[in-house]
PDB file of N, CA and C in Angstrom:
ATOM      1  N   MET A   1     -43.434  46.190 -11.536  1.00  0.00           N
ATOM      2  CA  MET A   1     -44.174  46.354 -10.308  1.00  0.00           C
ATOM      3  C   MET A   1     -45.528  45.657 -10.391  1.00  0.00           C
ATOM      4  N   ALA A   2     -46.143  45.707 -11.563  1.00  0.00           N
ATOM      5  CA  ALA A   2     -47.439  45.056 -11.747  1.00  0.00           C
ATOM      6  C   ALA A   2     -47.304  43.538 -11.628  1.00  0.00           C
ATOM      7  N   ARG A   3     -46.181  43.020 -12.090  1.00  0.00           N
ATOM      8  CA  ARG A   3     -45.938  41.572 -11.996  1.00  0.00           C
ATOM      9  C   ARG A   3     -45.817  41.142 -10.535  1.00  0.00           C
ATOM     10  N   ILE A   4     -45.130  41.931  -9.727  1.00  0.00           N
ATOM     11  CA  ILE A   4     -44.975  41.614  -8.310  1.00  0.00           C
ATOM     12  C   ILE A   4     -46.333  41.623  -7.616  1.00  0.00           C
ATOM     13  N   ARG A   5     -47.131  42.623  -7.914  1.00  0.00           N
ATOM     14  CA  ARG A   5     -48.463  42.726  -7.309  1.00  0.00           C
ATOM     15  C   ARG A   5     -49.319  41.520  -7.702  1.00  0.00           C
ATOM     16  N   LYS A   6     -49.259  41.149  -8.991  1.00  0.00           N
ATOM     17  CA  LYS A   6     -50.023  40.003  -9.473  1.00  0.00           C
ATOM     18  C   LYS A   6     -49.584  38.719  -8.760  1.00  0.00           C
ATOM     19  N   ASP A   7     -48.276  38.542  -8.595  1.00  0.00           N
ATOM     20  CA  ASP A   7     -47.758  37.356  -7.902  1.00  0.00           C
ATOM     21  C   ASP A   7     -48.200  37.327  -6.437  1.00  0.00           C
ATOM     22  N   LEU A   8     -48.189  38.487  -5.774  1.00  0.00           N
ATOM     23  CA  LEU A   8     -48.619  38.542  -4.377  1.00  0.00           C
ATOM     24  C   LEU A   8     -50.104  38.222  -4.228  1.00  0.00           C
ATOM     25  N   VAL A   9     -50.908  38.717  -5.127  1.00  0.00           N
ATOM     26  CA  VAL A   9     -52.347  38.415  -5.108  1.00  0.00           C
ATOM     27  C   VAL A   9     -52.564  36.920  -5.326  1.00  0.00           C
ATOM     28  N   GLU A  10     -51.855  36.360  -6.287  1.00  0.00           N
ATOM     29  CA  GLU A  10     -51.984  34.925  -6.565  1.00  0.00           C
ATOM     30  C   GLU A  10     -51.535  34.088  -5.355  1.00  0.00           C
ATOM     31  N   ALA A  11     -50.450  34.481  -4.715  1.00  0.00           N
ATOM     32  CA  ALA A  11     -49.959  33.755  -3.546  1.00  0.00           C
ATOM     33  C   ALA A  11     -50.949  33.834  -2.388  1.00  0.00           C
ATOM     34  N   SER A  12     -51.524  35.004  -2.167  1.00  0.00           N
ATOM     35  CA  SER A  12     -52.491  35.132  -1.071  1.00  0.00           C
ATOM     36  C   SER A  12     -53.757  34.333  -1.355  1.00  0.00           C
ATOM     37  N   GLN A  13     -54.189  34.264  -2.594  1.00  0.00           N
ATOM     38  CA  GLN A  13     -55.353  33.443  -2.947  1.00  0.00           C
ATOM     39  C   GLN A  13     -55.056  31.961  -2.730  1.00  0.00           C
ATOM     40  N   TYR A  14     -53.857  31.548  -3.091  1.00  0.00           N
ATOM     41  CA  TYR A  14     -53.469  30.156  -2.877  1.00  0.00           C
ATOM     42  C   TYR A  14     -53.418  29.834  -1.385  1.00  0.00           C
ATOM     43  N   ALA A  15     -52.848  30.748  -0.587  1.00  0.00           N
ATOM     44  CA  ALA A  15     -52.753  30.519   0.860  1.00  0.00           C
ATOM     45  C   ALA A  15     -54.131  30.441   1.497  1.00  0.00           C
ATOM     46  N   ARG A  16     -55.049  31.292   1.068  1.00  0.00           N
ATOM     47  CA  ARG A  16     -56.406  31.256   1.613  1.00  0.00           C
ATOM     48  C   ARG A  16     -57.116  29.951   1.276  1.00  0.00           C
ATOM     49  N   GLY A  17     -56.775  29.367   0.159  1.00  0.00           N
ATOM     50  CA  GLY A  17     -57.404  28.117  -0.258  1.00  0.00           C
ATOM     51  C   GLY A  17     -56.808  26.883   0.389  1.00  0.00           C
ATOM     52  N   ASN A  18     -55.634  27.009   1.006  1.00  0.00           N
ATOM     53  CA  ASN A  18     -54.957  25.879   1.629  1.00  0.00           C
ATOM     54  C   ASN A  18     -54.906  26.120   3.136  1.00  0.00           C
ATOM     55  N   GLY A  19     -55.642  25.307   3.894  1.00  0.00           N
ATOM     56  CA  GLY A  19     -55.749  25.499   5.342  1.00  0.00           C
ATOM     57  C   GLY A  19     -54.423  25.418   6.074  1.00  0.00           C
ATOM     58  N   MET A  20     -53.562  24.490   5.681  1.00  0.00           N
ATOM     59  CA  MET A  20     -52.288  24.332   6.380  1.00  0.00           C
ATOM     60  C   MET A  20     -51.392  25.555   6.167  1.00  0.00           C
ATOM     61  N   ILE A  21     -51.311  26.040   4.943  1.00  0.00           N
ATOM     62  CA  ILE A  21     -50.480  27.215   4.677  1.00  0.00           C
ATOM     63  C   ILE A  21     -51.035  28.431   5.396  1.00  0.00           C
ATOM     64  N   MET A  22     -52.355  28.583   5.410  1.00  0.00           N
ATOM     65  CA  MET A  22     -52.957  29.732   6.094  1.00  0.00           C
ATOM     66  C   MET A  22     -52.675  29.673   7.596  1.00  0.00           C
ATOM     67  N   THR A  23     -52.780  28.491   8.186  1.00  0.00           N
ATOM     68  CA  THR A  23     -52.476  28.355   9.613  1.00  0.00           C
ATOM     69  C   THR A  23     -51.013  28.645   9.889  1.00  0.00           C
ATOM     70  N   LEU A  24     -50.119  28.148   9.034  1.00  0.00           N
ATOM     71  CA  LEU A  24     -48.686  28.440   9.197  1.00  0.00           C
ATOM     72  C   LEU A  24     -48.421  29.943   9.134  1.00  0.00           C
ATOM     73  N   LEU A  25     -49.050  30.620   8.187  1.00  0.00           N
ATOM     74  CA  LEU A  25     -48.875  32.066   8.079  1.00  0.00           C
ATOM     75  C   LEU A  25     -49.398  32.786   9.316  1.00  0.00           C
ATOM     76  N   LEU A  26     -50.568  32.386   9.799  1.00  0.00           N
ATOM     77  CA  LEU A  26     -51.144  33.042  10.981  1.00  0.00           C
ATOM     78  C   LEU A  26     -50.290  32.813  12.223  1.00  0.00           C
ATOM     79  N   VAL A  27     -49.832  31.583  12.427  1.00  0.00           N
ATOM     80  CA  VAL A  27     -48.975  31.299  13.584  1.00  0.00           C
ATOM     81  C   VAL A  27     -47.678  32.091  13.487  1.00  0.00           C
ATOM     82  N   THR A  28     -47.109  32.175  12.301  1.00  0.00           N
ATOM     83  CA  THR A  28     -45.873  32.931  12.107  1.00  0.00           C
ATOM     84  C   THR A  28     -46.078  34.415  12.380  1.00  0.00           C
ATOM     85  N   ILE A  29     -47.170  34.969  11.881  1.00  0.00           N
ATOM     86  CA  ILE A  29     -47.444  36.396  12.095  1.00  0.00           C
ATOM     87  C   ILE A  29     -47.668  36.695  13.569  1.00  0.00           C
ATOM     88  N   VAL A  30     -48.498  35.895  14.233  1.00  0.00           N
ATOM     89  CA  VAL A  30     -48.779  36.127  15.663  1.00  0.00           C
ATOM     90  C   VAL A  30     -47.513  35.963  16.491  1.00  0.00           C
ATOM     91  N   THR A  31     -46.736  34.919  16.206  1.00  0.00           N
ATOM     92  CA  THR A  31     -45.505  34.690  16.965  1.00  0.00           C
ATOM     93  C   THR A  31     -44.513  35.825  16.762  1.00  0.00           C
ATOM     94  N   ASN A  32     -44.347  36.287  15.538  1.00  0.00           N
ATOM     95  CA  ASN A  32     -43.398  37.368  15.288  1.00  0.00           C
ATOM     96  C   ASN A  32     -43.860  38.695  15.875  1.00  0.00           C
ATOM     97  N   LEU A  33     -45.152  38.959  15.851  1.00  0.00           N
ATOM     98  CA  LEU A  33     -45.653  40.217  16.407  1.00  0.00           C
ATOM     99  C   LEU A  33     -45.661  40.221  17.931  1.00  0.00           C
ATOM    100  N   CYS A  34     -46.012  39.101  18.529  1.00  0.00           N
ATOM    101  CA  CYS A  34     -46.230  39.077  19.983  1.00  0.00           C
ATOM    102  C   CYS A  34     -45.175  38.307  20.760  1.00  0.00           C
ATOM    103  N   GLY A  35     -44.514  37.357  20.138  1.00  0.00           N
ATOM    104  CA  GLY A  35     -43.648  36.464  20.888  1.00  0.00           C
ATOM    105  C   GLY A  35     -42.179  36.799  20.864  1.00  0.00           C
ATOM    106  N   TYR A  36     -41.660  37.213  19.739  1.00  0.00           N
ATOM    107  CA  TYR A  36     -40.225  37.381  19.628  1.00  0.00           C
ATOM    108  C   TYR A  36     -39.710  38.724  20.128  1.00  0.00           C
ATOM    109  N   SER A  37     -40.585  39.527  20.684  1.00  0.00           N
ATOM    110  CA  SER A  37     -40.121  40.774  21.283  1.00  0.00           C
ATOM    111  C   SER A  37     -39.626  40.552  22.717  1.00  0.00           C
ATOM    112  N   TYR A  38     -39.752  39.321  23.210  1.00  0.00           N
ATOM    113  CA  TYR A  38     -39.345  39.031  24.584  1.00  0.00           C
ATOM    114  C   TYR A  38     -37.839  39.192  24.796  1.00  0.00           C
ATOM    115  N   ASN A  39     -37.024  38.995  23.765  1.00  0.00           N
ATOM    116  CA  ASN A  39     -35.571  39.055  23.961  1.00  0.00           C
ATOM    117  C   ASN A  39     -35.094  40.440  24.396  1.00  0.00           C
ATOM    118  N   VAL A  40     -35.861  41.475  24.082  1.00  0.00           N
ATOM    119  CA  VAL A  40     -35.519  42.824  24.547  1.00  0.00           C
ATOM    120  C   VAL A  40     -35.694  42.915  26.064  1.00  0.00           C
ATOM    121  N   LEU A  41     -36.604  42.130  26.585  1.00  0.00           N
ATOM    122  CA  LEU A  41     -36.923  42.188  28.016  1.00  0.00           C
ATOM    123  C   LEU A  41     -36.109  41.220  28.864  1.00  0.00           C
ATOM    124  N   LEU A  42     -35.231  40.435  28.266  1.00  0.00           N
ATOM    125  CA  LEU A  42     -34.470  39.461  29.042  1.00  0.00           C
ATOM    126  C   LEU A  42     -33.569  40.115  30.086  1.00  0.00           C
ATOM    127  N   THR A  43     -32.910  41.209  29.726  1.00  0.00           N
ATOM    128  CA  THR A  43     -32.016  41.864  30.687  1.00  0.00           C
ATOM    129  C   THR A  43     -32.769  42.416  31.886  1.00  0.00           C
ATOM    130  N   PRO A  44     -33.830  43.232  31.710  1.00  0.00           N
ATOM    131  CA  PRO A  44     -34.542  43.701  32.897  1.00  0.00           C
ATOM    132  C   PRO A  44     -35.248  42.578  33.654  1.00  0.00           C
ATOM    133  N   LEU A  45     -35.728  41.563  32.954  1.00  0.00           N
ATOM    134  CA  LEU A  45     -36.366  40.430  33.621  1.00  0.00           C
ATOM    135  C   LEU A  45     -35.361  39.690  34.493  1.00  0.00           C
ATOM    136  N   GLY A  46     -34.192  39.424  33.939  1.00  0.00           N
ATOM    137  CA  GLY A  46     -33.156  38.741  34.711  1.00  0.00           C
ATOM    138  C   GLY A  46     -32.634  39.571  35.866  1.00  0.00           C
ATOM    139  N   ARG A  47     -32.448  40.873  35.644  1.00  0.00           N
ATOM    140  CA  ARG A  47     -31.887  41.738  36.672  1.00  0.00           C
ATOM    141  C   ARG A  47     -32.893  42.021  37.790  1.00  0.00           C
ATOM    142  N   GLU A  48     -34.105  42.397  37.430  1.00  0.00           N
ATOM    143  CA  GLU A  48     -35.063  42.856  38.441  1.00  0.00           C
ATOM    144  C   GLU A  48     -35.929  41.740  39.016  1.00  0.00           C
ATOM    145  N   THR A  49     -36.354  40.810  38.203  1.00  0.00           N
ATOM    146  CA  THR A  49     -37.237  39.756  38.700  1.00  0.00           C
ATOM    147  C   THR A  49     -36.455  38.638  39.367  1.00  0.00           C
ATOM    148  N   PHE A  50     -35.388  38.193  38.729  1.00  0.00           N
ATOM    149  CA  PHE A  50     -34.628  37.071  39.250  1.00  0.00           C
ATOM    150  C   PHE A  50     -33.323  37.479  39.933  1.00  0.00           C
ATOM    151  N   THR A  51     -33.029  38.767  39.998  1.00  0.00           N
ATOM    152  CA  THR A  51     -31.786  39.316  40.581  1.00  0.00           C
ATOM    153  C   THR A  51     -30.560  38.523  40.132  1.00  0.00           C
ATOM    154  N   MET A  52     -30.381  38.428  38.837  1.00  0.00           N
ATOM    155  CA  MET A  52     -29.266  37.685  38.255  1.00  0.00           C
ATOM    156  C   MET A  52     -28.081  38.593  37.997  1.00  0.00           C
ATOM    157  N   SER A  53     -26.914  37.982  37.971  1.00  0.00           N
ATOM    158  CA  SER A  53     -25.710  38.711  37.589  1.00  0.00           C
ATOM    159  C   SER A  53     -25.667  38.836  36.072  1.00  0.00           C
ATOM    160  N   ALA A  54     -24.731  39.624  35.577  1.00  0.00           N
ATOM    161  CA  ALA A  54     -24.590  39.800  34.126  1.00  0.00           C
ATOM    162  C   ALA A  54     -24.274  38.467  33.448  1.00  0.00           C
ATOM    163  N   LEU A  55     -23.469  37.637  34.097  1.00  0.00           N
ATOM    164  CA  LEU A  55     -23.137  36.333  33.529  1.00  0.00           C
ATOM    165  C   LEU A  55     -24.389  35.465  33.386  1.00  0.00           C
ATOM    166  N   MET A  56     -25.223  35.441  34.408  1.00  0.00           N
ATOM    167  CA  MET A  56     -26.424  34.615  34.355  1.00  0.00           C
ATOM    168  C   MET A  56     -27.450  35.160  33.363  1.00  0.00           C
ATOM    169  N   ILE A  57     -27.471  36.472  33.179  1.00  0.00           N
ATOM    170  CA  ILE A  57     -28.345  37.044  32.153  1.00  0.00           C
ATOM    171  C   ILE A  57     -27.867  36.584  30.775  1.00  0.00           C
ATOM    172  N   GLY A  58     -26.568  36.503  30.582  1.00  0.00           N
ATOM    173  CA  GLY A  58     -26.025  35.961  29.335  1.00  0.00           C
ATOM    174  C   GLY A  58     -26.401  34.499  29.134  1.00  0.00           C
ATOM    175  N   VAL A  59     -26.372  33.729  30.221  1.00  0.00           N
ATOM    176  CA  VAL A  59     -26.796  32.324  30.144  1.00  0.00           C
ATOM    177  C   VAL A  59     -28.279  32.245  29.787  1.00  0.00           C
ATOM    178  N   LEU A  60     -29.095  33.119  30.395  1.00  0.00           N
ATOM    179  CA  LEU A  60     -30.524  33.167  30.085  1.00  0.00           C
ATOM    180  C   LEU A  60     -30.735  33.517  28.610  1.00  0.00           C
ATOM    181  N   SER A  61     -29.956  34.444  28.100  1.00  0.00           N
ATOM    182  CA  SER A  61     -30.077  34.835  26.687  1.00  0.00           C
ATOM    183  C   SER A  61     -29.655  33.703  25.752  1.00  0.00           C
ATOM    184  N   SER A  62     -28.725  32.876  26.184  1.00  0.00           N
ATOM    185  CA  SER A  62     -28.261  31.781  25.330  1.00  0.00           C
ATOM    186  C   SER A  62     -29.146  30.547  25.443  1.00  0.00           C
ATOM    187  N   ALA A  63     -30.135  30.569  26.337  1.00  0.00           N
ATOM    188  CA  ALA A  63     -31.014  29.407  26.493  1.00  0.00           C
ATOM    189  C   ALA A  63     -31.881  29.184  25.260  1.00  0.00           C
ATOM    190  N   GLU A  64     -32.309  30.250  24.596  1.00  0.00           N
ATOM    191  CA  GLU A  64     -33.159  30.086  23.404  1.00  0.00           C
ATOM    192  C   GLU A  64     -32.431  29.346  22.282  1.00  0.00           C
ATOM    193  N   PRO A  65     -31.230  29.790  21.865  1.00  0.00           N
ATOM    194  CA  PRO A  65     -30.572  29.032  20.798  1.00  0.00           C
ATOM    195  C   PRO A  65     -30.201  27.617  21.222  1.00  0.00           C
ATOM    196  N   ALA A  66     -29.856  27.431  22.494  1.00  0.00           N
ATOM    197  CA  ALA A  66     -29.550  26.076  22.959  1.00  0.00           C
ATOM    198  C   ALA A  66     -30.800  25.208  22.911  1.00  0.00           C
ATOM    199  N   GLY A  67     -31.938  25.773  23.326  1.00  0.00           N
ATOM    200  CA  GLY A  67     -33.195  25.039  23.257  1.00  0.00           C
ATOM    201  C   GLY A  67     -33.594  24.728  21.828  1.00  0.00           C
ATOM    202  N   SER A  68     -33.325  25.654  20.916  1.00  0.00           N
ATOM    203  CA  SER A  68     -33.618  25.413  19.502  1.00  0.00           C
ATOM    204  C   SER A  68     -32.775  24.273  18.955  1.00  0.00           C
ATOM    205  N   LEU A  69     -31.522  24.217  19.369  1.00  0.00           N
ATOM    206  CA  LEU A  69     -30.637  23.147  18.923  1.00  0.00           C
ATOM    207  C   LEU A  69     -31.127  21.793  19.438  1.00  0.00           C
ATOM    208  N   VAL A  70     -31.483  21.737  20.729  1.00  0.00           N
ATOM    209  CA  VAL A  70     -31.974  20.487  21.315  1.00  0.00           C
ATOM    210  C   VAL A  70     -33.301  20.078  20.676  1.00  0.00           C
ATOM    211  N   ALA A  71     -34.216  21.035  20.529  1.00  0.00           N
ATOM    212  CA  ALA A  71     -35.517  20.727  19.921  1.00  0.00           C
ATOM    213  C   ALA A  71     -35.345  20.257  18.487  1.00  0.00           C
ATOM    214  N   GLY A  72     -34.452  20.882  17.741  1.00  0.00           N
ATOM    215  CA  GLY A  72     -34.192  20.462  16.372  1.00  0.00           C
ATOM    216  C   GLY A  72     -33.640  19.049  16.305  1.00  0.00           C
ATOM    217  N   ALA A  73     -32.757  18.716  17.244  1.00  0.00           N
ATOM    218  CA  ALA A  73     -32.209  17.354  17.283  1.00  0.00           C
ATOM    219  C   ALA A  73     -33.292  16.335  17.622  1.00  0.00           C
ATOM    220  N   ILE A  74     -34.183  16.699  18.553  1.00  0.00           N
ATOM    221  CA  ILE A  74     -35.271  15.784  18.929  1.00  0.00           C
ATOM    222  C   ILE A  74     -36.242  15.613  17.766  1.00  0.00           C
ATOM    223  N   ILE A  75     -36.643  16.723  17.166  1.00  0.00           N
ATOM    224  CA  ILE A  75     -37.592  16.656  16.056  1.00  0.00           C
ATOM    225  C   ILE A  75     -37.001  15.884  14.884  1.00  0.00           C
ATOM    226  N   GLY A  76     -35.711  16.047  14.651  1.00  0.00           N
ATOM    227  CA  GLY A  76     -35.073  15.344  13.551  1.00  0.00           C
ATOM    228  C   GLY A  76     -34.884  13.857  13.790  1.00  0.00           C
ATOM    229  N   SER A  77     -34.850  13.435  15.049  1.00  0.00           N
ATOM    230  CA  SER A  77     -34.571  12.031  15.330  1.00  0.00           C
ATOM    231  C   SER A  77     -35.802  11.225  15.736  1.00  0.00           C
ATOM    232  N   VAL A  78     -36.914  11.874  16.024  1.00  0.00           N
ATOM    233  CA  VAL A  78     -38.111  11.175  16.493  1.00  0.00           C
ATOM    234  C   VAL A  78     -39.216  11.319  15.461  1.00  0.00           C
ATOM    235  N   ARG A  79     -39.907  10.250  15.231  1.00  0.00           N
ATOM    236  CA  ARG A  79     -41.063  10.317  14.329  1.00  0.00           C
ATOM    237  C   ARG A  79     -42.259  10.786  15.141  1.00  0.00           C
ATOM    238  N   MET A  80     -42.831  11.903  14.730  1.00  0.00           N
ATOM    239  CA  MET A  80     -43.983  12.464  15.430  1.00  0.00           C
ATOM    240  C   MET A  80     -45.247  12.086  14.684  1.00  0.00           C
ATOM    241  N   ASP A  81     -46.010  11.208  15.278  1.00  0.00           N
ATOM    242  CA  ASP A  81     -47.262  10.791  14.661  1.00  0.00           C
ATOM    243  C   ASP A  81     -48.316  11.863  14.860  1.00  0.00           C
ATOM    244  N   GLY A  82     -49.299  11.849  14.016  1.00  0.00           N
ATOM    245  CA  GLY A  82     -50.361  12.839  14.119  1.00  0.00           C
ATOM    246  C   GLY A  82     -50.183  13.931  13.077  1.00  0.00           C
ATOM    247  N   ARG A  83     -50.956  14.944  13.251  1.00  0.00           N
ATOM    248  CA  ARG A  83     -50.931  16.055  12.294  1.00  0.00           C
ATOM    249  C   ARG A  83     -49.815  17.029  12.658  1.00  0.00           C
ATOM    250  N   PRO A  84     -48.943  17.369  11.715  1.00  0.00           N
ATOM    251  CA  PRO A  84     -47.844  18.286  12.014  1.00  0.00           C
ATOM    252  C   PRO A  84     -48.340  19.670  12.424  1.00  0.00           C
ATOM    253  N   LEU A  85     -49.494  20.053  11.947  1.00  0.00           N
ATOM    254  CA  LEU A  85     -50.060  21.348  12.308  1.00  0.00           C
ATOM    255  C   LEU A  85     -50.377  21.419  13.797  1.00  0.00           C
ATOM    256  N   ASN A  86     -50.846  20.307  14.345  1.00  0.00           N
ATOM    257  CA  ASN A  86     -51.119  20.263  15.785  1.00  0.00           C
ATOM    258  C   ASN A  86     -49.835  20.436  16.592  1.00  0.00           C
ATOM    259  N   TRP A  87     -48.746  19.838  16.131  1.00  0.00           N
ATOM    260  CA  TRP A  87     -47.462  20.005  16.810  1.00  0.00           C
ATOM    261  C   TRP A  87     -47.006  21.466  16.760  1.00  0.00           C
ATOM    262  N   LEU A  88     -47.216  22.117  15.627  1.00  0.00           N
ATOM    263  CA  LEU A  88     -46.834  23.524  15.480  1.00  0.00           C
ATOM    264  C   LEU A  88     -47.620  24.406  16.435  1.00  0.00           C
ATOM    265  N   ILE A  89     -48.918  24.215  16.493  1.00  0.00           N
ATOM    266  CA  ILE A  89     -49.756  25.026  17.373  1.00  0.00           C
ATOM    267  C   ILE A  89     -49.441  24.731  18.832  1.00  0.00           C
ATOM    268  N   ALA A  90     -49.226  23.468  19.182  1.00  0.00           N
ATOM    269  CA  ALA A  90     -48.879  23.113  20.560  1.00  0.00           C
ATOM    270  C   ALA A  90     -47.537  23.726  20.964  1.00  0.00           C
ATOM    271  N   GLY A  91     -46.568  23.698  20.069  1.00  0.00           N
ATOM    272  CA  GLY A  91     -45.267  24.297  20.375  1.00  0.00           C
ATOM    273  C   GLY A  91     -45.360  25.801  20.553  1.00  0.00           C
ATOM    274  N   SER A  92     -46.156  26.460  19.722  1.00  0.00           N
ATOM    275  CA  SER A  92     -46.344  27.906  19.858  1.00  0.00           C
ATOM    276  C   SER A  92     -47.043  28.246  21.172  1.00  0.00           C
ATOM    277  N   ALA A  93     -48.051  27.461  21.534  1.00  0.00           N
ATOM    278  CA  ALA A  93     -48.757  27.692  22.796  1.00  0.00           C
ATOM    279  C   ALA A  93     -47.823  27.490  23.989  1.00  0.00           C
ATOM    280  N   LEU A  94     -46.969  26.477  23.917  1.00  0.00           N
ATOM    281  CA  LEU A  94     -46.005  26.237  24.992  1.00  0.00           C
ATOM    282  C   LEU A  94     -45.015  27.391  25.108  1.00  0.00           C
ATOM    283  N   PHE A  95     -44.586  27.923  23.980  1.00  0.00           N
ATOM    284  CA  PHE A  95     -43.672  29.066  23.964  1.00  0.00           C
ATOM    285  C   PHE A  95     -44.303  30.284  24.646  1.00  0.00           C
ATOM    286  N   PHE A  96     -45.554  30.588  24.287  1.00  0.00           N
ATOM    287  CA  PHE A  96     -46.245  31.727  24.896  1.00  0.00           C
ATOM    288  C   PHE A  96     -46.495  31.496  26.381  1.00  0.00           C
ATOM    289  N   ALA A  97     -46.793  30.264  26.777  1.00  0.00           N
ATOM    290  CA  ALA A  97     -46.995  29.957  28.194  1.00  0.00           C
ATOM    291  C   ALA A  97     -45.707  30.175  28.982  1.00  0.00           C
ATOM    292  N   ALA A  98     -44.576  29.774  28.411  1.00  0.00           N
ATOM    293  CA  ALA A  98     -43.290  29.972  29.089  1.00  0.00           C
ATOM    294  C   ALA A  98     -42.982  31.457  29.259  1.00  0.00           C
ATOM    295  N   ILE A  99     -43.292  32.257  28.245  1.00  0.00           N
ATOM    296  CA  ILE A  99     -43.082  33.707  28.348  1.00  0.00           C
ATOM    297  C   ILE A  99     -43.994  34.308  29.409  1.00  0.00           C
ATOM    298  N   ALA A 100     -45.242  33.857  29.456  1.00  0.00           N
ATOM    299  CA  ALA A 100     -46.190  34.375  30.445  1.00  0.00           C
ATOM    300  C   ALA A 100     -45.766  34.012  31.863  1.00  0.00           C
ATOM    301  N   ILE A 101     -45.292  32.795  32.067  1.00  0.00           N
ATOM    302  CA  ILE A 101     -44.832  32.376  33.395  1.00  0.00           C
ATOM    303  C   ILE A 101     -43.614  33.187  33.812  1.00  0.00           C
ATOM    304  N   ALA A 102     -42.676  33.384  32.901  1.00  0.00           N
ATOM    305  CA  ALA A 102     -41.484  34.173  33.222  1.00  0.00           C
ATOM    306  C   ALA A 102     -41.852  35.619  33.522  1.00  0.00           C
ATOM    307  N   GLY A 103     -42.800  36.176  32.774  1.00  0.00           N
ATOM    308  CA  GLY A 103     -43.210  37.560  33.003  1.00  0.00           C
ATOM    309  C   GLY A 103     -43.948  37.747  34.309  1.00  0.00           C
ATOM    310  N   ALA A 104     -44.679  36.730  34.735  1.00  0.00           N
ATOM    311  CA  ALA A 104     -45.456  36.828  35.974  1.00  0.00           C
ATOM    312  C   ALA A 104     -44.688  36.310  37.184  1.00  0.00           C
ATOM    313  N   ALA A 105     -43.451  35.894  36.996  1.00  0.00           N
ATOM    314  CA  ALA A 105     -42.695  35.280  38.088  1.00  0.00           C
ATOM    315  C   ALA A 105     -42.513  36.221  39.273  1.00  0.00           C
ATOM    316  N   GLY A 106     -42.214  37.475  39.034  1.00  0.00           N
ATOM    317  CA  GLY A 106     -42.037  38.423  40.127  1.00  0.00           C
ATOM    318  C   GLY A 106     -43.339  38.701  40.847  1.00  0.00           C
ATOM    319  N   PHE A 107     -44.424  38.780  40.116  1.00  0.00           N
ATOM    320  CA  PHE A 107     -45.737  39.036  40.699  1.00  0.00           C
ATOM    321  C   PHE A 107     -46.240  37.849  41.498  1.00  0.00           C
ATOM    322  N   LEU A 108     -46.001  36.654  40.990  1.00  0.00           N
ATOM    323  CA  LEU A 108     -46.502  35.443  41.639  1.00  0.00           C
ATOM    324  C   LEU A 108     -45.512  34.826  42.610  1.00  0.00           C
ATOM    325  N   LYS A 109     -44.341  35.438  42.749  1.00  0.00           N
ATOM    326  CA  LYS A 109     -43.284  34.942  43.617  1.00  0.00           C
ATOM    327  C   LYS A 109     -42.882  33.522  43.268  1.00  0.00           C
ATOM    328  N   VAL A 110     -42.757  33.273  41.981  1.00  0.00           N
ATOM    329  CA  VAL A 110     -42.333  31.984  41.486  1.00  0.00           C
ATOM    330  C   VAL A 110     -40.855  32.079  41.170  1.00  0.00           C
ATOM    331  N   SER A 111     -40.088  31.094  41.575  1.00  0.00           N
ATOM    332  CA  SER A 111     -38.673  31.095  41.247  1.00  0.00           C
ATOM    333  C   SER A 111     -38.388  30.025  40.211  1.00  0.00           C
ATOM    334  N   ILE A 112     -37.251  30.111  39.582  1.00  0.00           N
ATOM    335  CA  ILE A 112     -36.883  29.129  38.583  1.00  0.00           C
ATOM    336  C   ILE A 112     -36.768  27.743  39.235  1.00  0.00           C
ATOM    337  N   GLY A 113     -36.238  27.669  40.424  1.00  0.00           N
ATOM    338  CA  GLY A 113     -36.111  26.401  41.127  1.00  0.00           C
ATOM    339  C   GLY A 113     -37.453  25.843  41.562  1.00  0.00           C
ATOM    340  N   GLY A 114     -38.449  26.687  41.733  1.00  0.00           N
ATOM    341  CA  GLY A 114     -39.760  26.232  42.180  1.00  0.00           C
ATOM    342  C   GLY A 114     -40.590  25.647  41.071  1.00  0.00           C
ATOM    343  N   LEU A 115     -40.181  25.855  39.825  1.00  0.00           N
ATOM    344  CA  LEU A 115     -40.930  25.290  38.705  1.00  0.00           C
ATOM    345  C   LEU A 115     -40.510  23.870  38.554  1.00  0.00           C
TER     346      LEU A 115
END
């Protein structure tokens, strides 16, 4: 147990000393705490905000893995110039913006076709 604690302390010291690793950890923590809980809300969002059928709610639920597949193919085939950290932060910000727009769609009377 002491060895595990020592390794964790050493890893956290290394992460604090490396800006890229620390940013990756922070983005991962914030995204997991605040962003990935949206999938629980897909059914009520689809049913009440967009008045979707069960089939369309299933399509909405499958959009994330399909988008991940497409994004992975694009990222794997295109050379992205610049700092990779900027791409990570921009992608996370875009993800949160999409969740915010979907959550406010009923309040703002925005439809999927209107975007």
